[in-house]
Amino acid sequence: MEWENARRPVENIFVELKTISAEWHLLRCKVEKTERENCCLKTEFLKCQQELALLRAQKMEGLPCSKKYMCYCQAVRQKRKAKLARSAEEKAELMERLKNTEIHLGVLREAQVSCRGPEKEDVKKCYGET
């Protein structure tokens, strides 16, 4: 009977551990995806900056370059810069959630280990008995 009473909380912790682990994995995947997007955006941003610098240099050399096209390039650059900033904010938020999930996962693992122990003292700790 006592074993049955001790088994239920351990099973509950195990289920919660699985849930938190799955959430951690999902957050990790989101962080990796955000990092890949961030890298792509940085590459596009640098390419746009290079194009803009080249167009400015051509204009300085006397080659005709329409103001309309320069404005378009500047607008594209600004959009990419804003998207890059949003991506960085999202990554920071995801990293914070991931950190909190990892902490919660560690706590649950410790609780699971302490409830598995054969000593009655550990089982009593799980139930909050003194």
N, C-alpha and C. Protein backbone atom coordinates (compact mmCIF):
# COMPACT_ATOMS: atom_id res chain seq x y z
N MET A 1 0.82 -1.19 0.00
CA MET A 1 0.00 0.00 0.00
C MET A 1 0.88 1.27 0.00
N GLU A 2 1.89 1.24 0.85
CA GLU A 2 2.79 2.40 0.93
C GLU A 2 3.54 2.58 -0.40
N TRP A 3 3.88 1.46 -1.03
CA TRP A 3 4.58 1.52 -2.32
C TRP A 3 3.67 2.14 -3.38
N GLU A 4 2.40 1.79 -3.39
CA GLU A 4 1.43 2.36 -4.33
C GLU A 4 1.32 3.88 -4.13
N ASN A 5 1.27 4.29 -2.88
CA ASN A 5 1.18 5.72 -2.57
C ASN A 5 2.43 6.47 -3.02
N ALA A 6 3.56 5.82 -2.94
CA ALA A 6 4.82 6.45 -3.36
C ALA A 6 4.94 6.44 -4.87
N ARG A 7 4.31 5.48 -5.53
CA ARG A 7 4.44 5.32 -6.97
C ARG A 7 3.72 6.43 -7.75
N ARG A 8 2.56 6.82 -7.29
CA ARG A 8 1.78 7.84 -8.01
C ARG A 8 2.52 9.16 -8.18
N PRO A 9 3.09 9.72 -7.14
CA PRO A 9 3.82 10.99 -7.33
C PRO A 9 5.02 10.84 -8.26
N VAL A 10 5.67 9.69 -8.20
CA VAL A 10 6.81 9.46 -9.10
C VAL A 10 6.32 9.42 -10.54
N GLU A 11 5.20 8.76 -10.77
CA GLU A 11 4.64 8.70 -12.13
C GLU A 11 4.24 10.10 -12.60
N ASN A 12 3.66 10.89 -11.71
CA ASN A 12 3.27 12.26 -12.06
C ASN A 12 4.50 13.10 -12.42
N ILE A 13 5.54 12.94 -11.65
CA ILE A 13 6.79 13.67 -11.93
C ILE A 13 7.35 13.22 -13.26
N PHE A 14 7.29 11.92 -13.53
CA PHE A 14 7.82 11.39 -14.78
C PHE A 14 7.05 11.96 -15.97
N VAL A 15 5.72 12.04 -15.87
CA VAL A 15 4.90 12.60 -16.95
C VAL A 15 5.24 14.07 -17.15
N GLU A 16 5.35 14.80 -16.04
CA GLU A 16 5.69 16.21 -16.15
C GLU A 16 7.10 16.39 -16.72
N LEU A 17 8.00 15.52 -16.34
CA LEU A 17 9.36 15.54 -16.87
C LEU A 17 9.35 15.35 -18.38
N LYS A 18 8.55 14.40 -18.86
CA LYS A 18 8.44 14.18 -20.31
C LYS A 18 7.88 15.42 -21.01
N THR A 19 6.86 16.03 -20.40
CA THR A 19 6.24 17.22 -21.00
C THR A 19 7.24 18.37 -21.08
N ILE A 20 7.95 18.60 -19.99
CA ILE A 20 8.93 19.68 -19.96
C ILE A 20 10.06 19.39 -20.94
N SER A 21 10.46 18.13 -21.03
CA SER A 21 11.52 17.75 -21.96
C SER A 21 11.08 18.01 -23.40
N ALA A 22 9.84 17.68 -23.72
CA ALA A 22 9.32 17.93 -25.07
C ALA A 22 9.26 19.43 -25.35
N GLU A 23 8.84 20.20 -24.36
CA GLU A 23 8.79 21.66 -24.52
C GLU A 23 10.20 22.22 -24.71
N TRP A 24 11.15 21.70 -23.95
CA TRP A 24 12.55 22.14 -24.09
C TRP A 24 13.05 21.87 -25.50
N HIS A 25 12.74 20.67 -26.01
CA HIS A 25 13.18 20.30 -27.36
C HIS A 25 12.55 21.25 -28.39
N LEU A 26 11.27 21.54 -28.23
CA LEU A 26 10.59 22.45 -29.15
C LEU A 26 11.22 23.84 -29.11
N LEU A 27 11.49 24.34 -27.91
CA LEU A 27 12.13 25.65 -27.79
C LEU A 27 13.53 25.65 -28.40
N ARG A 28 14.26 24.57 -28.19
CA ARG A 28 15.61 24.46 -28.77
C ARG A 28 15.54 24.52 -30.30
N CYS A 29 14.55 23.82 -30.87
CA CYS A 29 14.37 23.85 -32.33
C CYS A 29 14.03 25.26 -32.81
N LYS A 30 13.18 25.96 -32.04
CA LYS A 30 12.82 27.33 -32.42
C LYS A 30 14.04 28.24 -32.36
N VAL A 31 14.87 28.06 -31.34
CA VAL A 31 16.09 28.88 -31.22
C VAL A 31 17.00 28.62 -32.41
N GLU A 32 17.17 27.35 -32.77
CA GLU A 32 18.03 27.02 -33.90
C GLU A 32 17.48 27.61 -35.19
N LYS A 33 16.17 27.54 -35.37
CA LYS A 33 15.54 28.11 -36.56
C LYS A 33 15.75 29.62 -36.59
N THR A 34 15.58 30.27 -35.44
CA THR A 34 15.77 31.71 -35.35
C THR A 34 17.22 32.08 -35.65
N GLU A 35 18.15 31.26 -35.17
CA GLU A 35 19.56 31.53 -35.45
C GLU A 35 19.86 31.40 -36.95
N ARG A 36 19.26 30.39 -37.60
CA ARG A 36 19.46 30.25 -39.05
C ARG A 36 18.87 31.44 -39.80
N GLU A 37 17.65 31.85 -39.41
CA GLU A 37 17.03 33.02 -40.04
C GLU A 37 17.88 34.26 -39.81
N ASN A 38 18.38 34.39 -38.60
CA ASN A 38 19.22 35.53 -38.25
C ASN A 38 20.46 35.57 -39.14
N CYS A 39 21.06 34.43 -39.34
CA CYS A 39 22.25 34.34 -40.20
C CYS A 39 21.91 34.74 -41.64
N CYS A 40 20.79 34.23 -42.14
CA CYS A 40 20.37 34.58 -43.51
C CYS A 40 20.10 36.07 -43.63
N LEU A 41 19.44 36.63 -42.61
CA LEU A 41 19.14 38.06 -42.64
C LEU A 41 20.41 38.90 -42.59
N LYS A 42 21.38 38.47 -41.80
CA LYS A 42 22.65 39.20 -41.74
C LYS A 42 23.33 39.17 -43.10
N THR A 43 23.29 38.00 -43.75
CA THR A 43 23.90 37.87 -45.08
C THR A 43 23.21 38.78 -46.08
N GLU A 44 21.87 38.77 -46.07
CA GLU A 44 21.12 39.64 -46.98
C GLU A 44 21.41 41.11 -46.68
N PHE A 45 21.47 41.43 -45.39
CA PHE A 45 21.73 42.81 -44.99
C PHE A 45 23.11 43.27 -45.49
N LEU A 46 24.11 42.43 -45.31
CA LEU A 46 25.46 42.78 -45.78
C LEU A 46 25.50 42.92 -47.30
N LYS A 47 24.79 42.03 -47.99
CA LYS A 47 24.73 42.10 -49.46
C LYS A 47 24.08 43.42 -49.89
N CYS A 48 23.02 43.79 -49.21
CA CYS A 48 22.32 45.03 -49.53
C CYS A 48 23.23 46.24 -49.26
N GLN A 49 23.96 46.19 -48.16
CA GLN A 49 24.90 47.28 -47.85
C GLN A 49 25.98 47.39 -48.93
N GLN A 50 26.48 46.24 -49.39
CA GLN A 50 27.49 46.25 -50.44
C GLN A 50 26.93 46.82 -51.74
N GLU A 51 25.70 46.42 -52.08
CA GLU A 51 25.07 46.96 -53.29
C GLU A 51 24.90 48.47 -53.19
N LEU A 52 24.46 48.91 -52.03
CA LEU A 52 24.27 50.34 -51.82
C LEU A 52 25.59 51.09 -51.92
N ALA A 53 26.64 50.53 -51.32
CA ALA A 53 27.96 51.17 -51.40
C ALA A 53 28.45 51.21 -52.84
N LEU A 54 28.19 50.13 -53.57
CA LEU A 54 28.60 50.08 -54.98
C LEU A 54 27.84 51.13 -55.79
N LEU A 55 26.54 51.26 -55.54
CA LEU A 55 25.74 52.24 -56.26
C LEU A 55 26.19 53.66 -55.92
N ARG A 56 26.52 53.89 -54.67
CA ARG A 56 27.01 55.21 -54.29
C ARG A 56 28.35 55.51 -54.96
N ALA A 57 29.20 54.49 -55.03
CA ALA A 57 30.50 54.66 -55.68
C ALA A 57 30.31 54.94 -57.17
N GLN A 58 29.38 54.23 -57.80
CA GLN A 58 29.10 54.47 -59.22
C GLN A 58 28.59 55.87 -59.45
N LYS A 59 27.75 56.34 -58.53
CA LYS A 59 27.21 57.68 -58.66
C LYS A 59 28.34 58.70 -58.56
N MET A 60 29.27 58.42 -57.65
CA MET A 60 30.41 59.32 -57.48
C MET A 60 31.28 59.33 -58.73
N GLU A 61 31.35 58.20 -59.41
CA GLU A 61 32.18 58.11 -60.62
C GLU A 61 31.49 58.73 -61.82
N GLY A 62 30.27 59.19 -61.64
CA GLY A 62 29.58 59.85 -62.73
C GLY A 62 28.66 58.94 -63.51
N LEU A 63 28.56 57.66 -63.12
CA LEU A 63 27.63 56.77 -63.80
C LEU A 63 26.22 57.10 -63.34
N PRO A 64 25.29 57.10 -64.26
CA PRO A 64 23.92 57.44 -63.87
C PRO A 64 23.29 56.35 -62.99
N CYS A 65 22.70 56.78 -61.92
CA CYS A 65 21.99 55.87 -61.02
C CYS A 65 20.76 56.62 -60.54
N SER A 66 19.61 56.07 -60.80
CA SER A 66 18.39 56.80 -60.49
C SER A 66 18.19 56.92 -58.98
N LYS A 67 17.64 58.06 -58.62
CA LYS A 67 17.34 58.30 -57.21
C LYS A 67 16.28 57.32 -56.73
N LYS A 68 15.37 56.99 -57.62
CA LYS A 68 14.30 56.07 -57.28
C LYS A 68 14.88 54.71 -56.87
N TYR A 69 15.86 54.23 -57.61
CA TYR A 69 16.48 52.95 -57.30
C TYR A 69 17.27 53.02 -56.00
N MET A 70 17.93 54.13 -55.78
CA MET A 70 18.68 54.32 -54.53
C MET A 70 17.71 54.30 -53.34
N CYS A 71 16.57 54.96 -53.49
CA CYS A 71 15.57 54.97 -52.41
C CYS A 71 15.02 53.56 -52.17
N TYR A 72 14.83 52.83 -53.26
CA TYR A 72 14.35 51.46 -53.14
C TYR A 72 15.36 50.61 -52.35
N CYS A 73 16.62 50.72 -52.71
CA CYS A 73 17.67 49.96 -52.02
C CYS A 73 17.73 50.34 -50.54
N GLN A 74 17.59 51.62 -50.27
CA GLN A 74 17.62 52.08 -48.88
C GLN A 74 16.42 51.52 -48.11
N ALA A 75 15.25 51.49 -48.74
CA ALA A 75 14.05 50.95 -48.08
C ALA A 75 14.20 49.46 -47.81
N VAL A 76 14.74 48.73 -48.78
CA VAL A 76 14.96 47.29 -48.60
C VAL A 76 15.94 47.07 -47.45
N ARG A 77 16.96 47.87 -47.42
CA ARG A 77 17.96 47.76 -46.36
C ARG A 77 17.33 47.99 -44.98
N GLN A 78 16.49 49.03 -44.90
CA GLN A 78 15.83 49.34 -43.63
C GLN A 78 14.88 48.21 -43.19
N LYS A 79 14.16 47.64 -44.15
CA LYS A 79 13.25 46.53 -43.82
C LYS A 79 14.04 45.34 -43.30
N ARG A 80 15.13 45.03 -43.96
CA ARG A 80 15.95 43.89 -43.54
C ARG A 80 16.57 44.15 -42.17
N LYS A 81 16.96 45.37 -41.93
CA LYS A 81 17.54 45.73 -40.65
C LYS A 81 16.50 45.57 -39.54
N ALA A 82 15.26 46.01 -39.80
CA ALA A 82 14.18 45.87 -38.82
C ALA A 82 13.85 44.40 -38.56
N LYS A 83 13.82 43.62 -39.63
CA LYS A 83 13.53 42.19 -39.49
C LYS A 83 14.63 41.50 -38.69
N LEU A 84 15.86 41.90 -38.92
CA LEU A 84 16.99 41.36 -38.18
C LEU A 84 16.87 41.71 -36.69
N ALA A 85 16.47 42.92 -36.39
CA ALA A 85 16.29 43.32 -34.99
C ALA A 85 15.17 42.51 -34.33
N ARG A 86 14.05 42.32 -35.04
CA ARG A 86 12.95 41.52 -34.49
C ARG A 86 13.40 40.09 -34.26
N SER A 87 14.18 39.57 -35.19
CA SER A 87 14.69 38.20 -35.06
C SER A 87 15.59 38.08 -33.83
N ALA A 88 16.40 39.06 -33.59
CA ALA A 88 17.28 39.05 -32.43
C ALA A 88 16.47 39.11 -31.13
N GLU A 89 15.42 39.93 -31.12
CA GLU A 89 14.55 40.01 -29.94
C GLU A 89 13.85 38.67 -29.69
N GLU A 90 13.36 38.06 -30.75
CA GLU A 90 12.68 36.78 -30.62
C GLU A 90 13.64 35.71 -30.12
N LYS A 91 14.87 35.75 -30.61
CA LYS A 91 15.86 34.79 -30.16
C LYS A 91 16.15 34.96 -28.67
N ALA A 92 16.27 36.21 -28.24
CA ALA A 92 16.53 36.47 -26.82
C ALA A 92 15.37 35.96 -25.96
N GLU A 93 14.15 36.19 -26.43
CA GLU A 93 12.98 35.71 -25.69
C GLU A 93 12.96 34.18 -25.63
N LEU A 94 13.24 33.54 -26.75
CA LEU A 94 13.27 32.08 -26.79
C LEU A 94 14.38 31.52 -25.90
N MET A 95 15.53 32.17 -25.90
CA MET A 95 16.63 31.72 -25.06
C MET A 95 16.25 31.83 -23.58
N GLU A 96 15.53 32.90 -23.21
CA GLU A 96 15.09 33.05 -21.82
C GLU A 96 14.11 31.94 -21.45
N ARG A 97 13.15 31.65 -22.35
CA ARG A 97 12.20 30.58 -22.09
C ARG A 97 12.91 29.23 -22.01
N LEU A 98 13.90 29.05 -22.87
CA LEU A 98 14.66 27.80 -22.86
C LEU A 98 15.42 27.65 -21.55
N LYS A 99 16.01 28.73 -21.08
CA LYS A 99 16.74 28.70 -19.82
C LYS A 99 15.80 28.33 -18.67
N ASN A 100 14.63 28.96 -18.63
CA ASN A 100 13.65 28.65 -17.58
C ASN A 100 13.19 27.20 -17.66
N THR A 101 13.00 26.70 -18.87
CA THR A 101 12.59 25.32 -19.05
C THR A 101 13.68 24.37 -18.59
N GLU A 102 14.94 24.69 -18.89
CA GLU A 102 16.05 23.84 -18.47
C GLU A 102 16.13 23.80 -16.94
N ILE A 103 15.90 24.93 -16.29
CA ILE A 103 15.91 24.97 -14.83
C ILE A 103 14.79 24.09 -14.28
N HIS A 104 13.60 24.25 -14.84
CA HIS A 104 12.45 23.45 -14.39
C HIS A 104 12.71 21.96 -14.63
N LEU A 105 13.29 21.64 -15.76
CA LEU A 105 13.62 20.25 -16.09
C LEU A 105 14.61 19.69 -15.08
N GLY A 106 15.61 20.46 -14.71
CA GLY A 106 16.58 20.02 -13.70
C GLY A 106 15.94 19.77 -12.36
N VAL A 107 15.04 20.66 -11.97
CA VAL A 107 14.34 20.49 -10.69
C VAL A 107 13.51 19.21 -10.71
N LEU A 108 12.82 18.99 -11.83
CA LEU A 108 12.00 17.78 -11.93
C LEU A 108 12.85 16.52 -11.93
N ARG A 109 13.99 16.56 -12.58
CA ARG A 109 14.88 15.39 -12.58
C ARG A 109 15.39 15.10 -11.18
N GLU A 110 15.75 16.14 -10.45
CA GLU A 110 16.20 15.95 -9.07
C GLU A 110 15.08 15.36 -8.22
N ALA A 111 13.87 15.86 -8.41
CA ALA A 111 12.73 15.34 -7.65
C ALA A 111 12.47 13.89 -7.99
N GLN A 112 12.61 13.55 -9.28
CA GLN A 112 12.38 12.17 -9.70
C GLN A 112 13.42 11.25 -9.09
N VAL A 113 14.67 11.67 -9.09
CA VAL A 113 15.74 10.86 -8.52
C VAL A 113 15.53 10.68 -7.02
N SER A 114 15.16 11.75 -6.33
CA SER A 114 15.00 11.64 -4.88
C SER A 114 13.79 10.78 -4.52
N CYS A 115 12.77 10.74 -5.37
CA CYS A 115 11.59 9.90 -5.09
C CYS A 115 11.84 8.44 -5.41
N ARG A 116 12.83 8.13 -6.20
CA ARG A 116 13.13 6.75 -6.57
C ARG A 116 13.94 6.03 -5.50
N GLY A 117 14.62 6.80 -4.67
CA GLY A 117 15.49 6.20 -3.68
C GLY A 117 14.76 5.22 -2.79
N PRO A 118 15.43 4.17 -2.31
CA PRO A 118 14.79 3.14 -1.50
C PRO A 118 14.55 3.56 -0.06
N GLU A 119 15.14 4.67 0.34
CA GLU A 119 15.03 5.08 1.73
C GLU A 119 13.71 5.79 1.98
N LYS A 120 13.12 5.53 3.11
CA LYS A 120 11.84 6.11 3.47
C LYS A 120 11.96 7.63 3.62
N GLU A 121 13.11 8.10 4.03
CA GLU A 121 13.33 9.53 4.22
C GLU A 121 13.08 10.29 2.91
N ASP A 122 13.58 9.74 1.80
CA ASP A 122 13.40 10.40 0.51
C ASP A 122 11.94 10.38 0.08
N VAL A 123 11.24 9.27 0.32
CA VAL A 123 9.83 9.18 -0.05
C VAL A 123 9.03 10.18 0.78
N LYS A 124 9.37 10.33 2.05
CA LYS A 124 8.68 11.27 2.90
C LYS A 124 8.88 12.71 2.41
N LYS A 125 10.05 13.01 1.89
CA LYS A 125 10.34 14.34 1.37
C LYS A 125 9.43 14.64 0.19
N CYS A 126 9.17 13.64 -0.64
CA CYS A 126 8.31 13.82 -1.81
C CYS A 126 6.90 14.20 -1.41
N TYR A 127 6.44 13.66 -0.30
CA TYR A 127 5.07 13.92 0.15
C TYR A 127 5.01 15.13 1.08
N GLY A 128 6.15 15.62 1.46
CA GLY A 128 6.18 16.74 2.36
C GLY A 128 5.94 16.34 3.80
N GLU A 129 6.05 15.05 4.10
CA GLU A 129 5.87 14.56 5.46
C GLU A 129 7.13 14.84 6.27
N THR A 130 6.97 14.97 7.55
CA THR A 130 8.15 15.17 8.41
C THR A 130 8.31 14.04 9.37
